[in-house]
Amino acid sequence: MNASILALIGFVGLTMALALSPSAIGSRKSQTGKPADSWTRGKPTNDPDVIQRISHAHLNCVENLPLFGGVVLAAVGLNQLAIVDRWRDGFLAAASRSPSFTSSR
């Protein structure tokens, strides 16, 4: 399997893991008797900074996944994966260095 396809699968996996992390923490919170209602829209959150950073990282992945996926799948359809392989690592490195991954408070 081509490395660009594997990178796309990994990117999807990362996006899913980031989506499930706050949910897992919230469900654990509710099992201990604390209210896990911080997802209500328009309500200020009292989540730890790490949860907010995970949420921002997930949103960043959701924004970039269609672009990366579309280019990789177009390259597969055109049998031009060698072109995508040249910039694959740079794209993933830029996505991982976005402010949502690296910002600190």
C-alpha atoms as a PDB file:
ATOM      1  CA  MET A   1       0.000   0.000   0.000  1.00  0.00           C
ATOM      2  CA  ASN A   2       1.234   3.475  -0.836  1.00  0.00           C
ATOM      3  CA  ALA A   3       2.543   5.711   1.948  1.00  0.00           C
ATOM      4  CA  SER A   4       0.102   8.519   1.035  1.00  0.00           C
ATOM      5  CA  ILE A   5      -2.848   6.166   1.458  1.00  0.00           C
ATOM      6  CA  LEU A   6      -1.458   5.054   4.823  1.00  0.00           C
ATOM      7  CA  ALA A   7      -1.027   8.701   5.839  1.00  0.00           C
ATOM      8  CA  LEU A   8      -4.659   9.356   4.911  1.00  0.00           C
ATOM      9  CA  ILE A   9      -5.803   6.384   6.993  1.00  0.00           C
ATOM     10  CA  GLY A  10      -3.659   7.619   9.885  1.00  0.00           C
ATOM     11  CA  PHE A  11      -5.115  11.118   9.578  1.00  0.00           C
ATOM     12  CA  VAL A  12      -8.648   9.693   9.733  1.00  0.00           C
ATOM     13  CA  GLY A  13      -7.643   7.661  12.797  1.00  0.00           C
ATOM     14  CA  LEU A  14      -6.196  10.727  14.509  1.00  0.00           C
ATOM     15  CA  THR A  15      -9.354  12.718  13.794  1.00  0.00           C
ATOM     16  CA  MET A  16     -11.516   9.953  15.264  1.00  0.00           C
ATOM     17  CA  ALA A  17      -9.306   9.580  18.343  1.00  0.00           C
ATOM     18  CA  LEU A  18      -9.445  13.307  19.000  1.00  0.00           C
ATOM     19  CA  ALA A  19     -13.228  13.216  18.653  1.00  0.00           C
ATOM     20  CA  LEU A  20     -13.615  10.386  21.147  1.00  0.00           C
ATOM     21  CA  SER A  21     -11.194  11.656  23.804  1.00  0.00           C
ATOM     22  CA  PRO A  22     -13.401  14.406  25.308  1.00  0.00           C
ATOM     23  CA  SER A  23     -16.388  12.048  25.196  1.00  0.00           C
ATOM     24  CA  ALA A  24     -14.519   9.391  27.147  1.00  0.00           C
ATOM     25  CA  ILE A  25     -13.473  11.916  29.769  1.00  0.00           C
ATOM     26  CA  GLY A  26     -17.012  13.313  29.987  1.00  0.00           C
ATOM     27  CA  SER A  27     -18.557   9.876  30.428  1.00  0.00           C
ATOM     28  CA  ARG A  28     -16.045   9.053  33.167  1.00  0.00           C
ATOM     29  CA  LYS A  29     -16.933  12.374  34.793  1.00  0.00           C
ATOM     30  CA  SER A  30     -20.650  11.541  34.735  1.00  0.00           C
ATOM     31  CA  GLN A  31     -20.048   8.082  36.242  1.00  0.00           C
ATOM     32  CA  THR A  32     -18.532   9.714  39.307  1.00  0.00           C
ATOM     33  CA  GLY A  33     -21.682  11.777  39.824  1.00  0.00           C
ATOM     34  CA  LYS A  34     -20.423  15.082  38.446  1.00  0.00           C
ATOM     35  CA  PRO A  35     -22.526  16.743  35.728  1.00  0.00           C
ATOM     36  CA  ALA A  36     -21.038  16.399  32.274  1.00  0.00           C
ATOM     37  CA  ASP A  37     -23.053  19.161  30.648  1.00  0.00           C
ATOM     38  CA  SER A  38     -20.218  21.327  29.398  1.00  0.00           C
ATOM     39  CA  TRP A  39     -21.205  20.675  25.780  1.00  0.00           C
ATOM     40  CA  THR A  40     -24.293  22.853  25.987  1.00  0.00           C
ATOM     41  CA  ARG A  41     -24.092  25.592  23.382  1.00  0.00           C
ATOM     42  CA  GLY A  42     -23.811  29.133  24.629  1.00  0.00           C
ATOM     43  CA  LYS A  43     -22.757  28.031  28.080  1.00  0.00           C
ATOM     44  CA  PRO A  44     -19.246  28.818  29.346  1.00  0.00           C
ATOM     45  CA  THR A  45     -17.123  25.706  29.747  1.00  0.00           C
ATOM     46  CA  ASN A  46     -15.241  24.700  32.829  1.00  0.00           C
ATOM     47  CA  ASP A  47     -13.244  21.998  31.077  1.00  0.00           C
ATOM     48  CA  PRO A  48      -9.514  21.695  31.746  1.00  0.00           C
ATOM     49  CA  ASP A  49      -7.201  23.314  29.201  1.00  0.00           C
ATOM     50  CA  VAL A  50      -6.186  19.930  27.821  1.00  0.00           C
ATOM     51  CA  ILE A  51      -9.800  19.150  26.857  1.00  0.00           C
ATOM     52  CA  GLN A  52     -10.144  22.501  25.121  1.00  0.00           C
ATOM     53  CA  ARG A  53      -6.879  21.905  23.251  1.00  0.00           C
ATOM     54  CA  ILE A  54      -8.047  18.432  22.183  1.00  0.00           C
ATOM     55  CA  SER A  55     -11.297  19.950  20.918  1.00  0.00           C
ATOM     56  CA  HIS A  56      -9.423  22.615  18.947  1.00  0.00           C
ATOM     57  CA  ALA A  57      -7.059  19.999  17.503  1.00  0.00           C
ATOM     58  CA  HIS A  58     -10.041  17.922  16.432  1.00  0.00           C
ATOM     59  CA  LEU A  59     -11.619  20.910  14.696  1.00  0.00           C
ATOM     60  CA  ASN A  60      -8.328  21.560  12.904  1.00  0.00           C
ATOM     61  CA  CYS A  61      -8.242  17.962  11.677  1.00  0.00           C
ATOM     62  CA  VAL A  62     -11.861  18.176  10.523  1.00  0.00           C
ATOM     63  CA  GLU A  63     -10.988  21.295   8.516  1.00  0.00           C
ATOM     64  CA  ASN A  64      -7.899  19.771   6.877  1.00  0.00           C
ATOM     65  CA  LEU A  65      -9.003  16.167   6.354  1.00  0.00           C
ATOM     66  CA  PRO A  66     -11.259  16.839   3.332  1.00  0.00           C
ATOM     67  CA  LEU A  67      -8.479  18.765   1.593  1.00  0.00           C
ATOM     68  CA  PHE A  68      -5.819  16.129   2.181  1.00  0.00           C
ATOM     69  CA  GLY A  69      -8.232  13.276   1.464  1.00  0.00           C
ATOM     70  CA  GLY A  70      -9.489  14.859  -1.733  1.00  0.00           C
ATOM     71  CA  VAL A  71      -6.002  15.395  -3.114  1.00  0.00           C
ATOM     72  CA  VAL A  72      -4.852  11.877  -2.194  1.00  0.00           C
ATOM     73  CA  LEU A  73      -7.968  10.245  -3.634  1.00  0.00           C
ATOM     74  CA  ALA A  74      -7.699  12.343  -6.816  1.00  0.00           C
ATOM     75  CA  ALA A  75      -4.084  11.240  -7.151  1.00  0.00           C
ATOM     76  CA  VAL A  76      -5.164   7.617  -6.735  1.00  0.00           C
ATOM     77  CA  GLY A  77      -7.813   8.065  -9.423  1.00  0.00           C
ATOM     78  CA  LEU A  78      -5.288   9.652 -11.797  1.00  0.00           C
ATOM     79  CA  ASN A  79      -2.549   7.160 -10.865  1.00  0.00           C
ATOM     80  CA  GLN A  80      -0.265  10.067  -9.875  1.00  0.00           C
ATOM     81  CA  LEU A  81       0.586   9.180  -6.270  1.00  0.00           C
ATOM     82  CA  ALA A  82       4.248  10.058  -6.804  1.00  0.00           C
ATOM     83  CA  ILE A  83       3.283  13.734  -6.969  1.00  0.00           C
ATOM     84  CA  VAL A  84       1.421  13.546  -3.666  1.00  0.00           C
ATOM     85  CA  ASP A  85       4.238  11.607  -1.978  1.00  0.00           C
ATOM     86  CA  ARG A  86       6.537  14.617  -2.380  1.00  0.00           C
ATOM     87  CA  TRP A  87       4.473  16.933  -0.167  1.00  0.00           C
ATOM     88  CA  ARG A  88       2.660  14.393   2.058  1.00  0.00           C
ATOM     89  CA  ASP A  89       5.081  14.689   4.988  1.00  0.00           C
ATOM     90  CA  GLY A  90       5.132  18.478   4.810  1.00  0.00           C
ATOM     91  CA  PHE A  91       1.348  18.687   4.880  1.00  0.00           C
ATOM     92  CA  LEU A  92       1.049  16.388   7.887  1.00  0.00           C
ATOM     93  CA  ALA A  93       3.864  18.210   9.709  1.00  0.00           C
ATOM     94  CA  ALA A  94       2.156  21.561   9.104  1.00  0.00           C
ATOM     95  CA  ALA A  95      -1.148  20.183  10.382  1.00  0.00           C
ATOM     96  CA  SER A  96       0.503  18.867  13.548  1.00  0.00           C
ATOM     97  CA  ARG A  97       2.197  22.230  14.195  1.00  0.00           C
ATOM     98  CA  SER A  98      -0.992  24.242  13.945  1.00  0.00           C
ATOM     99  CA  PRO A  99      -1.889  26.551  16.836  1.00  0.00           C
ATOM    100  CA  SER A 100      -4.480  24.091  18.138  1.00  0.00           C
ATOM    101  CA  PHE A 101      -1.772  21.489  18.761  1.00  0.00           C
ATOM    102  CA  THR A 102       0.981  23.766  20.040  1.00  0.00           C
ATOM    103  CA  SER A 103      -0.653  26.661  21.812  1.00  0.00           C
ATOM    104  CA  SER A 104      -0.067  26.952  25.528  1.00  0.00           C
ATOM    105  CA  ARG A 105      -1.760  29.089  28.129  1.00  0.00           C
END
